[in-house]
């Protein structure tokens, strides 16, 4: 089969690789000049099977209201004149109960475990190096109430096969001594030794190059103008190069047996243009990548700071710090007062936790913190849409939220299996497939 993959992030490139593995002819289209230059560019770097809890829980509505006027809030809802945002918000509220939370956890963990195994196989096959650290992931708490509540999360994760465990403050500091200067503020934590971290951009770009070496055609720097539909099936994809040639820019048509939409947050409007309406909404996330001043004092274990809901991961001689979700439409600016406040929060927090370890100076102070923002494609359940749409020849692999890196390898493998007529070996509600745990809820959200 000839398959067109729209999007060259971790999801699209993983899909392309696994399609090539199964003998497909593959064309990858992306508007950027290389792979992984949007949402996959500078994420938290964590492969976090054990920390993939849905945002929607019984406490989320009250917290969201409390945080609405806090520029540094972990989850910030900024109402827009956008009915898609309001619809998404109402569906999110419908998931804020214990039954939905546990149901969604089961799906997310199933995909995470499958994906982690797929990533290990892929790394073993390709030998890609990407600042990988197999040191696990720790999570520390700075107040007793949150630490006490962590016990319930640990029990739930262990119920689904994840070996996350509670640890005391002393044990956490043995696992990662870098936090000793902040130790008197830590009440305890959790730790999962099987999780890991690494640079998603480096991995994705290296995998894209291997796809190209295996015969995949890449159309970088091309905009997807439209999906052309005849009857109830996709006939072709219209694309246009971004750069002007001597004869001027001209759009052209590509035909294939299957088209995969893996464009992150931008998947939703593209799919709606052909009558596929999925609740995927952009969640603006931030990160900062700091040069290390004292590498010997920087953590080697990827860690989550529960107080600010931020993650930190060692990437060679840099520390990546990422977090916060801002439901603020399609805004990608970094120079607004709100964006600056959220970026500077990352700098201040790291200086408080790891004093003097990183160069956290702002550009105005002579530093180079490499602030970044990207739109995380969020669903109300935090479960991505993977599978076949109601439109013939049209497939989707989108809606991974903050877990694109964690779920990337497995999502790509699973969709390639489905396109090839195989059934992925996990209990997950694939779009367009019956007999899964999530089929009913997926149909309701997609209606």
Protein backbone atom coordinates (compact mmCIF):
# COMPACT_ATOMS: atom_id res chain seq x y z
CA UNK A 1 0.00 0.00 0.00
CA UNK A 2 0.97 3.60 -0.55
CA UNK A 3 0.38 5.69 2.58
CA UNK A 4 0.67 9.44 3.11
CA UNK A 5 1.54 10.53 6.65
CA UNK A 6 0.69 14.14 7.46
CA UNK A 7 2.97 15.37 10.25
CA UNK A 8 6.62 14.68 11.08
CA UNK A 9 6.55 14.77 14.86
CA UNK A 10 7.21 11.73 17.05
CA UNK A 11 3.76 10.31 16.22
CA UNK A 12 4.01 10.73 12.45
CA UNK A 13 7.60 9.52 12.16
CA UNK A 14 6.92 6.48 14.34
CA UNK A 15 3.94 5.67 12.16
CA UNK A 16 6.05 6.03 9.01
CA UNK A 17 8.78 3.74 10.40
CA UNK A 18 6.39 0.96 11.30
CA UNK A 19 4.59 1.24 7.97
CA UNK A 20 7.95 0.82 6.21
CA UNK A 21 8.63 -2.20 8.42
CA UNK A 22 5.45 -3.76 6.99
CA UNK A 23 6.33 -3.07 3.37
CA UNK A 24 4.30 0.07 2.73
CA UNK A 25 5.36 2.87 0.42
CA UNK A 26 5.40 6.03 2.57
CA UNK A 27 5.28 9.77 1.90
CA UNK A 28 5.67 12.12 4.89
CA UNK A 29 4.52 15.74 4.60
CA UNK A 30 5.33 18.52 7.07
CA UNK A 31 5.38 22.29 6.84
CA UNK A 32 8.66 22.53 8.77
CA UNK A 33 12.13 22.05 7.21
CA UNK A 34 12.88 18.99 9.37
CA UNK A 35 11.15 16.51 11.67
CA UNK A 36 10.16 17.29 15.27
CA UNK A 37 10.24 21.07 15.02
CA UNK A 38 6.86 21.71 16.65
CA UNK A 39 5.31 19.88 19.63
CA UNK A 40 8.08 17.24 19.71
CA UNK A 41 10.85 19.85 19.75
CA UNK A 42 11.51 20.59 23.44
CA UNK A 43 9.16 18.61 25.66
CA UNK A 44 9.82 17.31 29.18
CA UNK A 45 11.90 14.38 27.79
CA UNK A 46 10.18 11.80 30.01
CA UNK A 47 9.04 8.30 29.03
CA UNK A 48 6.59 8.21 31.92
CA UNK A 49 4.37 5.12 31.82
CA UNK A 50 3.82 5.43 35.58
CA UNK A 51 2.92 9.13 35.66
CA UNK A 52 0.33 9.30 32.91
CA UNK A 53 -2.65 10.24 35.03
CA UNK A 54 -5.51 12.07 33.25
CA UNK A 55 -5.94 15.76 33.95
CA UNK A 56 -9.65 15.16 34.54
CA UNK A 57 -10.25 14.05 38.13
CA UNK A 58 -12.71 14.90 40.88
CA UNK A 59 -10.55 17.80 42.14
CA UNK A 60 -9.83 19.35 38.73
CA UNK A 61 -12.88 21.67 38.39
CA UNK A 62 -12.26 23.43 41.71
CA UNK A 63 -8.53 23.73 41.03
CA UNK A 64 -9.16 25.13 37.55
CA UNK A 65 -11.45 27.81 39.00
CA UNK A 66 -8.91 28.68 41.70
CA UNK A 67 -6.10 28.94 39.14
CA UNK A 68 -7.95 31.03 36.52
CA UNK A 69 -6.32 34.31 37.58
CA UNK A 70 -2.90 32.90 38.47
CA UNK A 71 -0.41 33.46 35.63
CA UNK A 72 1.81 30.67 36.97
CA UNK A 73 -0.94 28.07 37.53
CA UNK A 74 -0.21 24.49 36.40
CA UNK A 75 -3.50 24.41 34.46
CA UNK A 76 -4.73 27.77 33.19
CA UNK A 77 -8.06 28.09 31.40
CA UNK A 78 -8.36 31.31 29.41
CA UNK A 79 -11.88 31.51 27.90
CA UNK A 80 -12.01 32.33 24.20
CA UNK A 81 -14.79 33.15 21.78
CA UNK A 82 -14.38 29.64 20.47
CA UNK A 83 -17.19 27.13 20.84
CA UNK A 84 -14.73 24.26 20.28
CA UNK A 85 -12.95 25.30 23.47
CA UNK A 86 -16.21 25.40 25.43
CA UNK A 87 -17.36 22.06 24.05
CA UNK A 88 -14.00 20.55 24.99
CA UNK A 89 -14.32 22.04 28.47
CA UNK A 90 -17.78 20.55 29.01
CA UNK A 91 -16.57 17.12 27.88
CA UNK A 92 -13.58 17.49 30.21
CA UNK A 93 -15.91 18.21 33.14
CA UNK A 94 -17.88 15.07 32.31
CA UNK A 95 -14.68 13.07 32.90
CA UNK A 96 -14.04 14.58 36.36
CA UNK A 97 -15.28 11.64 38.43
CA UNK A 98 -13.65 8.57 39.93
CA UNK A 99 -15.18 6.04 37.53
CA UNK A 100 -14.03 7.93 34.43
CA UNK A 101 -10.63 8.58 35.97
CA UNK A 102 -9.93 4.90 36.57
CA UNK A 103 -11.29 3.91 33.16
CA UNK A 104 -9.06 6.49 31.47
CA UNK A 105 -6.01 5.44 33.51
CA UNK A 106 -6.42 1.85 32.32
CA UNK A 107 -6.37 2.98 28.69
CA UNK A 108 -3.44 5.34 29.09
CA UNK A 109 -1.32 2.82 31.00
CA UNK A 110 -2.08 0.07 28.48
CA UNK A 111 -0.87 2.27 25.64
CA UNK A 112 2.12 3.43 27.70
CA UNK A 113 3.33 -0.08 28.47
CA UNK A 114 2.86 -1.17 24.86
CA UNK A 115 4.67 1.92 23.65
CA UNK A 116 7.59 1.55 26.05
CA UNK A 117 8.18 -1.99 24.77
CA UNK A 118 7.96 -0.71 21.19
CA UNK A 119 10.49 2.03 21.94
CA UNK A 120 12.96 -0.45 23.43
CA UNK A 121 12.64 -2.66 20.35
CA UNK A 122 13.10 0.34 18.08
CA UNK A 123 16.21 1.56 19.90
CA UNK A 124 17.65 -1.96 19.85
CA UNK A 125 17.00 -2.21 16.10
CA UNK A 126 18.27 1.23 15.09
CA UNK A 127 20.91 2.06 17.70
CA UNK A 128 19.69 5.66 17.90
CA UNK A 129 21.37 7.71 20.64
CA UNK A 130 19.36 10.56 22.17
CA UNK A 131 20.72 11.32 25.66
CA UNK A 132 18.80 8.35 27.00
CA UNK A 133 18.88 7.78 30.75
CA UNK A 134 17.34 4.59 32.12
CA UNK A 135 17.33 5.80 35.72
CA UNK A 136 13.57 5.78 36.35
CA UNK A 137 11.37 8.75 37.23
CA UNK A 138 10.93 10.23 40.71
CA UNK A 139 8.11 12.47 41.90
CA UNK A 140 8.52 14.60 45.01
CA UNK A 141 5.92 16.37 47.14
CA UNK A 142 6.30 19.45 49.28
CA UNK A 143 3.15 19.20 51.39
CA UNK A 144 1.82 16.33 53.47
CA UNK A 145 -1.70 16.36 52.01
CA UNK A 146 -0.42 15.81 48.47
CA UNK A 147 1.98 13.12 49.63
CA UNK A 148 -0.82 11.31 51.46
CA UNK A 149 -2.96 11.44 48.30
CA UNK A 150 -0.05 10.00 46.30
CA UNK A 151 -0.63 6.68 48.00
CA UNK A 152 -3.96 6.28 46.21
CA UNK A 153 -2.32 7.02 42.84
CA UNK A 154 0.38 4.45 43.57
CA UNK A 155 -2.22 1.80 44.41
CA UNK A 156 -4.14 2.53 41.20
CA UNK A 157 -1.01 2.35 39.04
CA UNK A 158 0.13 -0.89 40.67
CA UNK A 159 -3.34 -2.31 40.04
CA UNK A 160 -2.65 -1.81 36.35
CA UNK A 161 0.81 -3.37 36.48
CA UNK A 162 2.97 -0.28 36.96
CA UNK A 163 5.67 -0.72 39.63
CA UNK A 164 5.42 2.75 41.11
CA UNK A 165 6.12 2.90 44.83
CA UNK A 166 5.99 5.37 47.71
CA UNK A 167 9.35 6.47 49.10
CA UNK A 168 10.27 8.53 52.14
CA UNK A 169 12.18 11.79 51.85
CA UNK A 170 15.40 10.06 52.87
CA UNK A 171 14.96 7.32 50.30
CA UNK A 172 14.13 9.83 47.58
CA UNK A 173 17.32 11.75 48.37
CA UNK A 174 19.30 8.50 48.11
CA UNK A 175 17.74 7.86 44.71
CA UNK A 176 18.61 11.41 43.60
CA UNK A 177 21.09 13.24 45.90
CA UNK A 178 20.93 16.39 43.74
CA UNK A 179 17.87 17.54 45.70
CA UNK A 180 19.59 17.56 49.11
CA UNK A 181 19.73 21.37 49.19
CA UNK A 182 15.93 21.37 48.89
CA UNK A 183 15.44 18.32 51.06
CA UNK A 184 13.99 20.07 54.11
CA UNK A 185 11.00 21.14 51.96
CA UNK A 186 10.32 17.63 50.60
CA UNK A 187 7.80 15.53 52.51
CA UNK A 188 8.22 12.35 50.44
CA UNK A 189 7.78 11.01 46.95
CA UNK A 190 7.18 8.16 44.57
CA UNK A 191 9.59 6.36 42.28
CA UNK A 192 9.34 4.05 39.29
CA UNK A 193 12.63 2.46 38.28
CA UNK A 194 11.37 1.24 34.89
CA UNK A 195 10.66 4.70 33.46
CA UNK A 196 13.29 6.68 31.57
CA UNK A 197 14.10 9.92 29.76
CA UNK A 198 15.72 11.20 26.58
CA UNK A 199 15.57 13.85 23.89
CA UNK A 200 12.45 13.40 21.76
CA UNK A 201 13.63 15.79 19.05
CA UNK A 202 16.96 14.04 18.55
CA UNK A 203 15.28 10.62 18.51
CA UNK A 204 12.58 11.68 16.06
CA UNK A 205 14.98 13.34 13.65
CA UNK A 206 17.30 10.33 13.69
CA UNK A 207 14.37 7.98 13.07
CA UNK A 208 13.20 10.21 10.20
CA UNK A 209 16.63 9.91 8.58
CA UNK A 210 16.44 6.14 8.86
CA UNK A 211 12.98 6.23 7.29
CA UNK A 212 14.41 8.23 4.40
CA UNK A 213 17.27 5.73 4.03
CA UNK A 214 14.66 2.96 3.75
CA UNK A 215 12.91 4.71 0.89
CA UNK A 216 10.34 7.00 2.49
CA UNK A 217 9.74 10.22 0.58
CA UNK A 218 9.78 13.39 2.69
CA UNK A 219 8.12 16.61 1.59
CA UNK A 220 9.41 19.04 4.18
CA UNK A 221 8.46 22.69 3.85
CA UNK A 222 5.07 21.84 2.36
CA UNK A 223 1.67 23.03 3.55
CA UNK A 224 -1.31 20.69 3.44
CA UNK A 225 -3.97 22.76 1.68
CA UNK A 226 -6.86 20.31 1.85
CA UNK A 227 -8.03 16.73 1.87
CA UNK A 228 -9.98 16.04 -1.30
CA UNK A 229 -12.98 13.84 -0.66
CA UNK A 230 -15.06 12.01 -3.26
CA UNK A 231 -18.14 10.28 -1.91
CA UNK A 232 -17.20 9.00 1.54
CA UNK A 233 -13.50 8.46 0.91
CA UNK A 234 -10.37 10.55 0.59
CA UNK A 235 -9.32 10.78 -3.04
CA UNK A 236 -6.15 12.86 -2.66
CA UNK A 237 -4.20 15.43 -0.66
CA UNK A 238 -3.46 18.90 -2.02
CA UNK A 239 -0.11 20.34 -0.91
CA UNK A 240 1.97 23.41 -1.70
CA UNK A 241 5.65 24.16 -1.12
CA UNK A 242 6.26 27.06 1.25
CA UNK A 243 9.23 28.36 -0.72
CA UNK A 244 8.66 30.22 -3.97
CA UNK A 245 10.34 28.60 -6.96
CA UNK A 246 11.30 30.34 -10.20
CA UNK A 247 7.89 29.58 -11.64
CA UNK A 248 6.02 30.61 -8.47
CA UNK A 249 4.41 28.42 -5.84
CA UNK A 250 2.11 25.78 -7.23
CA UNK A 251 -0.06 23.33 -5.41
CA UNK A 252 -0.12 19.71 -6.51
CA UNK A 253 -2.10 16.59 -5.79
CA UNK A 254 -0.94 13.36 -4.14
CA UNK A 255 -2.94 10.13 -4.16
CA UNK A 256 -2.54 7.12 -1.89
CA UNK A 257 -4.32 4.05 -0.56
CA UNK A 258 -4.35 5.54 2.96
CA UNK A 259 -3.87 8.96 4.52
CA UNK A 260 -2.76 9.32 8.16
CA UNK A 261 -3.43 12.60 9.96
CA UNK A 262 -0.77 13.02 12.67
CA UNK A 263 -0.60 16.79 12.86
CA UNK A 264 -0.95 17.21 16.62
CA UNK A 265 -3.39 19.95 17.57
CA UNK A 266 -3.79 20.90 13.93
CA UNK A 267 -5.31 17.50 13.22
CA UNK A 268 -8.71 18.61 14.52
CA UNK A 269 -9.46 21.44 12.03
CA UNK A 270 -8.05 19.41 9.14
CA UNK A 271 -10.26 16.43 10.02
CA UNK A 272 -13.33 18.63 10.48
CA UNK A 273 -12.89 19.86 6.90
CA UNK A 274 -13.97 16.39 5.72
CA UNK A 275 -16.62 15.75 8.37
CA UNK A 276 -14.57 14.02 11.09
CA UNK A 277 -15.12 15.93 14.32
CA UNK A 278 -12.77 14.85 17.15
CA UNK A 279 -12.42 16.79 20.43
CA UNK A 280 -8.74 17.67 20.23
CA UNK A 281 -7.85 21.10 21.60
CA UNK A 282 -4.44 22.80 21.93
CA UNK A 283 -2.90 23.01 25.39
CA UNK A 284 0.01 25.45 25.38
CA UNK A 285 2.97 24.03 27.25
CA UNK A 286 6.28 25.66 28.13
CA UNK A 287 9.84 24.51 28.62
CA UNK A 288 13.26 25.95 29.33
CA UNK A 289 16.56 24.28 28.54
CA UNK A 290 19.31 25.51 30.86
CA UNK A 291 23.08 25.06 30.41
CA UNK A 292 24.63 23.36 33.45
CA UNK A 293 27.09 25.37 35.52
CA UNK A 294 27.73 22.48 37.92
CA UNK A 295 27.10 19.21 36.07
CA UNK A 296 28.11 17.23 39.15
CA UNK A 297 25.21 18.79 41.05
CA UNK A 298 22.53 18.20 38.42
CA UNK A 299 20.04 15.31 38.73
CA UNK A 300 20.50 12.16 36.68
CA UNK A 301 17.04 10.84 37.58
CA UNK A 302 14.21 12.51 35.66
CA UNK A 303 11.93 14.07 38.26
CA UNK A 304 8.50 15.67 38.69
CA UNK A 305 8.07 18.53 41.15
CA UNK A 306 4.49 18.20 42.35
CA UNK A 307 4.40 21.68 43.85
CA UNK A 308 4.54 23.37 40.45
CA UNK A 309 3.67 20.33 38.31
CA UNK A 310 6.90 20.62 36.34
CA UNK A 311 9.27 17.93 35.09
CA UNK A 312 13.04 18.12 34.86
CA UNK A 313 15.30 15.85 32.81
CA UNK A 314 19.05 15.77 32.29
CA UNK A 315 20.06 16.02 28.62
CA UNK A 316 23.85 15.84 28.54
CA UNK A 317 25.19 19.21 29.69
CA UNK A 318 21.72 20.74 29.87
CA UNK A 319 18.68 20.47 32.10
CA UNK A 320 15.27 20.48 30.42
CA UNK A 321 12.46 21.86 32.60
CA UNK A 322 8.89 21.72 31.31
CA UNK A 323 5.36 22.05 32.51
CA UNK A 324 2.08 23.93 32.78
CA UNK A 325 -0.91 23.75 30.46
CA UNK A 326 -2.61 26.85 29.15
CA UNK A 327 -5.95 26.45 27.35
CA UNK A 328 -5.68 29.69 25.44
CA UNK A 329 -6.50 28.87 21.84
CA UNK A 330 -3.77 28.72 19.20
CA UNK A 331 -1.45 31.30 20.72
CA UNK A 332 2.26 30.43 20.45
CA UNK A 333 3.79 33.71 21.58
CA UNK A 334 6.64 33.78 24.07
CA UNK A 335 6.82 37.57 24.48
CA UNK A 336 3.48 38.29 26.13
CA UNK A 337 3.33 39.15 29.84
CA UNK A 338 1.59 35.83 30.53
CA UNK A 339 4.17 33.79 28.60
CA UNK A 340 7.07 35.59 30.27
CA UNK A 341 5.58 34.95 33.71
CA UNK A 342 5.25 31.24 33.00
CA UNK A 343 8.76 30.96 31.57
CA UNK A 344 10.31 32.86 34.48
CA UNK A 345 8.46 30.61 36.91
CA UNK A 346 10.45 27.70 35.49
CA UNK A 347 13.70 29.60 36.02
CA UNK A 348 12.88 30.62 39.59
CA UNK A 349 11.70 27.18 40.57
CA UNK A 350 14.84 25.47 39.34
CA UNK A 351 17.03 28.03 41.09
CA UNK A 352 15.13 27.32 44.32
CA UNK A 353 15.44 23.53 43.97
CA UNK A 354 18.94 23.37 42.48
CA UNK A 355 20.63 26.63 43.51
CA UNK A 356 23.57 27.56 41.33
CA UNK A 357 23.47 24.32 39.31
CA UNK A 358 22.06 25.82 36.08
CA UNK A 359 22.53 29.11 34.29
CA UNK A 360 19.01 30.42 34.87
CA UNK A 361 19.76 34.01 33.90
CA UNK A 362 17.30 35.60 31.51
CA UNK A 363 18.48 36.80 28.09
CA UNK A 364 18.38 40.36 29.48
CA UNK A 365 20.81 39.26 32.19
CA UNK A 366 23.16 37.64 29.68
CA UNK A 367 21.82 34.09 29.97
CA UNK A 368 20.56 31.76 27.28
CA UNK A 369 17.71 29.70 28.80
CA UNK A 370 16.19 28.54 25.48
CA UNK A 371 12.55 29.09 26.36
CA UNK A 372 10.10 27.24 24.15
CA UNK A 373 6.38 26.70 23.81
CA UNK A 374 4.33 24.15 21.92
CA UNK A 375 0.69 23.18 21.51
CA UNK A 376 -0.10 19.85 23.12
CA UNK A 377 -3.03 18.14 21.37
CA UNK A 378 -5.32 17.40 24.31
CA UNK A 379 -8.47 15.29 24.49
CA UNK A 380 -10.94 15.52 27.41
CA UNK A 381 -9.94 12.02 28.54
CA UNK A 382 -6.20 12.38 27.79
CA UNK A 383 -6.63 9.29 25.60
CA UNK A 384 -5.49 9.81 21.99
CA UNK A 385 -7.49 8.91 18.91
CA UNK A 386 -5.73 6.12 17.03
CA UNK A 387 -7.42 4.29 14.19
CA UNK A 388 -9.71 4.52 11.20
CA UNK A 389 -12.18 7.36 10.76
CA UNK A 390 -15.65 7.15 9.24
CA UNK A 391 -14.21 8.51 6.00
CA UNK A 392 -12.70 5.89 3.71
CA UNK A 393 -8.88 5.75 3.45
CA UNK A 394 -8.55 8.28 6.30
CA UNK A 395 -6.75 7.34 9.50
CA UNK A 396 -5.83 9.38 12.56
CA UNK A 397 -3.06 9.28 15.15
CA UNK A 398 -3.51 12.38 17.30
CA UNK A 399 -4.59 13.74 20.67
CA UNK A 400 -1.66 12.58 22.79
CA UNK A 401 -1.56 15.69 25.00
CA UNK A 402 1.52 15.71 27.24
CA UNK A 403 2.30 12.06 26.47
CA UNK A 404 3.34 12.14 22.83
CA UNK A 405 6.89 11.08 23.66
CA UNK A 406 5.72 8.39 26.09
CA UNK A 407 3.14 7.01 23.65
CA UNK A 408 4.88 7.78 20.35
CA UNK A 409 6.57 4.52 19.43
CA UNK A 410 3.57 2.39 20.38
CA UNK A 411 1.02 4.67 18.72
CA UNK A 412 2.96 4.51 15.48
CA UNK A 413 3.34 0.75 15.67
CA UNK A 414 -0.33 0.20 16.57
CA UNK A 415 -1.64 2.32 13.72
CA UNK A 416 0.70 0.64 11.23
CA UNK A 417 -0.61 -2.71 12.44
CA UNK A 418 -4.21 -1.60 12.01
CA UNK A 419 -3.59 -0.26 8.50
CA UNK A 420 -1.92 -3.59 7.66
CA UNK A 421 -4.93 -5.57 8.88
CA UNK A 422 -3.34 -6.68 12.16
CA UNK A 423 -4.67 -6.28 15.71
CA UNK A 424 -2.32 -4.64 18.25
CA UNK A 425 -1.79 -6.77 21.35
CA UNK A 426 -3.25 -4.46 23.99
CA UNK A 427 -6.59 -3.60 25.51
CA UNK A 428 -7.13 -0.17 23.99
CA UNK A 429 -10.10 1.54 22.36
CA UNK A 430 -8.95 2.08 18.81
CA UNK A 431 -11.05 4.44 16.74
CA UNK A 432 -13.20 2.54 14.25
CA UNK A 433 -12.67 -0.84 15.91
CA UNK A 434 -15.19 -2.73 18.02
CA UNK A 435 -14.72 -4.85 21.13
CA UNK A 436 -12.45 -2.56 23.12
CA UNK A 437 -12.72 -1.07 26.59
CA UNK A 438 -13.07 2.47 25.31
CA UNK A 439 -15.29 1.98 22.27
CA UNK A 440 -18.43 3.48 23.85
CA UNK A 441 -16.71 6.56 25.28
CA UNK A 442 -14.69 7.12 22.09
CA UNK A 443 -17.85 7.07 20.02
CA UNK A 444 -19.53 9.53 22.39
CA UNK A 445 -16.63 11.98 22.28
CA UNK A 446 -16.27 11.74 18.50
CA UNK A 447 -19.98 12.25 17.81
